[in-house]
C-alpha atoms as a PDB file:
ATOM      1  CA  UNK A   1     -26.366  31.621  16.781  1.00  0.00           C
ATOM      2  CA  UNK A   2     -26.114  27.990  16.802  1.00  0.00           C
ATOM      3  CA  UNK A   3     -23.081  26.293  16.908  1.00  0.00           C
ATOM      4  CA  UNK A   4     -22.101  23.784  14.506  1.00  0.00           C
ATOM      5  CA  UNK A   5     -20.777  20.580  16.168  1.00  0.00           C
ATOM      6  CA  UNK A   6     -17.385  20.078  14.445  1.00  0.00           C
ATOM      7  CA  UNK A   7     -16.817  16.683  13.214  1.00  0.00           C
ATOM      8  CA  UNK A   8     -13.159  15.234  14.526  1.00  0.00           C
ATOM      9  CA  UNK A   9     -11.179  14.176  11.405  1.00  0.00           C
ATOM     10  CA  UNK A  10      -8.262  13.033  13.427  1.00  0.00           C
ATOM     11  CA  UNK A  11      -7.902  10.253  16.164  1.00  0.00           C
ATOM     12  CA  UNK A  12      -5.870   9.441  18.661  1.00  0.00           C
ATOM     13  CA  UNK A  13      -3.670   5.719  19.221  1.00  0.00           C
ATOM     14  CA  UNK A  14      -6.335   5.153  22.535  1.00  0.00           C
ATOM     15  CA  UNK A  15      -9.434   5.891  20.690  1.00  0.00           C
ATOM     16  CA  UNK A  16      -8.318   4.183  17.462  1.00  0.00           C
ATOM     17  CA  UNK A  17      -7.183   0.881  19.461  1.00  0.00           C
ATOM     18  CA  UNK A  18     -10.607   1.327  21.192  1.00  0.00           C
ATOM     19  CA  UNK A  19     -12.334   1.258  17.894  1.00  0.00           C
ATOM     20  CA  UNK A  20     -10.529  -1.637  16.710  1.00  0.00           C
ATOM     21  CA  UNK A  21     -10.591  -3.427  20.138  1.00  0.00           C
ATOM     22  CA  UNK A  22      -7.317  -4.086  20.321  1.00  0.00           C
ATOM     23  CA  UNK A  23      -4.245  -2.638  22.621  1.00  0.00           C
ATOM     24  CA  UNK A  24      -2.646   0.953  21.971  1.00  0.00           C
ATOM     25  CA  UNK A  25       0.958  -0.670  21.786  1.00  0.00           C
ATOM     26  CA  UNK A  26      -0.743  -2.683  18.481  1.00  0.00           C
ATOM     27  CA  UNK A  27      -1.704   0.731  17.080  1.00  0.00           C
ATOM     28  CA  UNK A  28       1.461   2.484  17.817  1.00  0.00           C
ATOM     29  CA  UNK A  29       3.007  -0.783  16.047  1.00  0.00           C
ATOM     30  CA  UNK A  30       1.231  -0.005  13.182  1.00  0.00           C
ATOM     31  CA  UNK A  31       2.587   3.534  12.942  1.00  0.00           C
ATOM     32  CA  UNK A  32       5.997   2.231  13.829  1.00  0.00           C
ATOM     33  CA  UNK A  33       6.019   0.141  11.200  1.00  0.00           C
ATOM     34  CA  UNK A  34       4.518   2.391   8.743  1.00  0.00           C
ATOM     35  CA  UNK A  35       1.709   0.675   7.995  1.00  0.00           C
ATOM     36  CA  UNK A  36      -0.801   3.076   9.379  1.00  0.00           C
ATOM     37  CA  UNK A  37      -0.059   6.544   8.791  1.00  0.00           C
ATOM     38  CA  UNK A  38       0.084   9.229  11.520  1.00  0.00           C
ATOM     39  CA  UNK A  39       1.084  12.654  12.515  1.00  0.00           C
ATOM     40  CA  UNK A  40       3.758  12.936  15.645  1.00  0.00           C
ATOM     41  CA  UNK A  41       1.902  16.459  17.387  1.00  0.00           C
ATOM     42  CA  UNK A  42       4.420  16.548  20.036  1.00  0.00           C
ATOM     43  CA  UNK A  43       5.897  19.725  21.134  1.00  0.00           C
ATOM     44  CA  UNK A  44       9.441  19.025  20.560  1.00  0.00           C
ATOM     45  CA  UNK A  45      10.485  16.165  18.392  1.00  0.00           C
ATOM     46  CA  UNK A  46      12.876  14.708  20.985  1.00  0.00           C
ATOM     47  CA  UNK A  47      10.116  14.221  23.314  1.00  0.00           C
ATOM     48  CA  UNK A  48       7.370  11.205  23.900  1.00  0.00           C
ATOM     49  CA  UNK A  49       5.591  10.957  20.174  1.00  0.00           C
ATOM     50  CA  UNK A  50       1.864  12.031  20.309  1.00  0.00           C
ATOM     51  CA  UNK A  51       0.209  10.697  17.423  1.00  0.00           C
ATOM     52  CA  UNK A  52      -2.921  11.626  15.514  1.00  0.00           C
ATOM     53  CA  UNK A  53      -4.544   9.814  12.696  1.00  0.00           C
ATOM     54  CA  UNK A  54      -6.364  11.181   9.756  1.00  0.00           C
ATOM     55  CA  UNK A  55      -9.777   9.324   9.104  1.00  0.00           C
ATOM     56  CA  UNK A  56      -8.971   9.116   5.520  1.00  0.00           C
ATOM     57  CA  UNK A  57      -5.276   7.205   6.553  1.00  0.00           C
ATOM     58  CA  UNK A  58      -7.526   4.923   8.920  1.00  0.00           C
ATOM     59  CA  UNK A  59     -10.009   4.146   5.795  1.00  0.00           C
ATOM     60  CA  UNK A  60      -6.763   3.424   3.682  1.00  0.00           C
ATOM     61  CA  UNK A  61      -4.788   1.263   6.513  1.00  0.00           C
ATOM     62  CA  UNK A  62      -8.240  -0.905   6.987  1.00  0.00           C
ATOM     63  CA  UNK A  63      -8.960  -1.239   3.173  1.00  0.00           C
ATOM     64  CA  UNK A  64      -5.367  -2.635   3.032  1.00  0.00           C
ATOM     65  CA  UNK A  65      -5.887  -5.445   5.771  1.00  0.00           C
ATOM     66  CA  UNK A  66      -9.704  -6.644   4.476  1.00  0.00           C
ATOM     67  CA  UNK A  67      -9.819 -10.257   3.936  1.00  0.00           C
ATOM     68  CA  UNK A  68     -10.583 -10.735   0.337  1.00  0.00           C
ATOM     69  CA  UNK A  69     -12.436 -14.022  -0.310  1.00  0.00           C
ATOM     70  CA  UNK A  70     -10.795 -16.922  -2.123  1.00  0.00           C
ATOM     71  CA  UNK A  71     -13.249 -18.347  -4.802  1.00  0.00           C
ATOM     72  CA  UNK A  72     -15.234 -20.615  -2.353  1.00  0.00           C
ATOM     73  CA  UNK A  73     -12.624 -22.913  -1.890  1.00  0.00           C
ATOM     74  CA  UNK A  74     -12.771 -25.072   1.429  1.00  0.00           C
ATOM     75  CA  UNK A  75     -10.215 -25.269   3.908  1.00  0.00           C
ATOM     76  CA  UNK A  76      -9.528 -28.568   3.166  1.00  0.00           C
ATOM     77  CA  UNK A  77      -9.383 -27.783  -0.608  1.00  0.00           C
ATOM     78  CA  UNK A  78      -6.676 -25.313  -0.388  1.00  0.00           C
ATOM     79  CA  UNK A  79      -4.599 -27.180   2.121  1.00  0.00           C
ATOM     80  CA  UNK A  80      -4.551 -30.319   0.087  1.00  0.00           C
ATOM     81  CA  UNK A  81      -1.364 -31.338  -1.557  1.00  0.00           C
ATOM     82  CA  UNK A  82      -0.143 -34.010  -3.454  1.00  0.00           C
ATOM     83  CA  UNK A  83       1.459 -36.657  -1.458  1.00  0.00           C
ATOM     84  CA  UNK A  84       4.857 -37.540  -2.573  1.00  0.00           C
ATOM     85  CA  UNK A  85       5.561 -40.758  -4.688  1.00  0.00           C
ATOM     86  CA  UNK A  86       6.220 -43.859  -2.491  1.00  0.00           C
ATOM     87  CA  UNK A  87       5.289 -41.984   0.807  1.00  0.00           C
ATOM     88  CA  UNK A  88       2.512 -43.491   3.063  1.00  0.00           C
ATOM     89  CA  UNK A  89       0.877 -41.015   5.433  1.00  0.00           C
ATOM     90  CA  UNK A  90      -0.249 -42.404   8.585  1.00  0.00           C
ATOM     91  CA  UNK A  91      -2.580 -40.260  10.424  1.00  0.00           C
END
């Protein structure tokens, strides 16, 4: 009987940090601030937290942080502001 490989549906913060290319501290910051949902699977709640992050929550987190195009405006067009009346800028 052939055994079917079990697909992981959860990642630990170090695994996700490696996938993102950031530090583990950054991922735990996202968890502690509520930006990224995770489950604490430590034996006792008083001990150090051992988080597992569901792949569906990772997908939701990444979609919420996705950069949305701004309609094609260049950087200078977005940053340009009206000069105050009577003020001469020197730069």
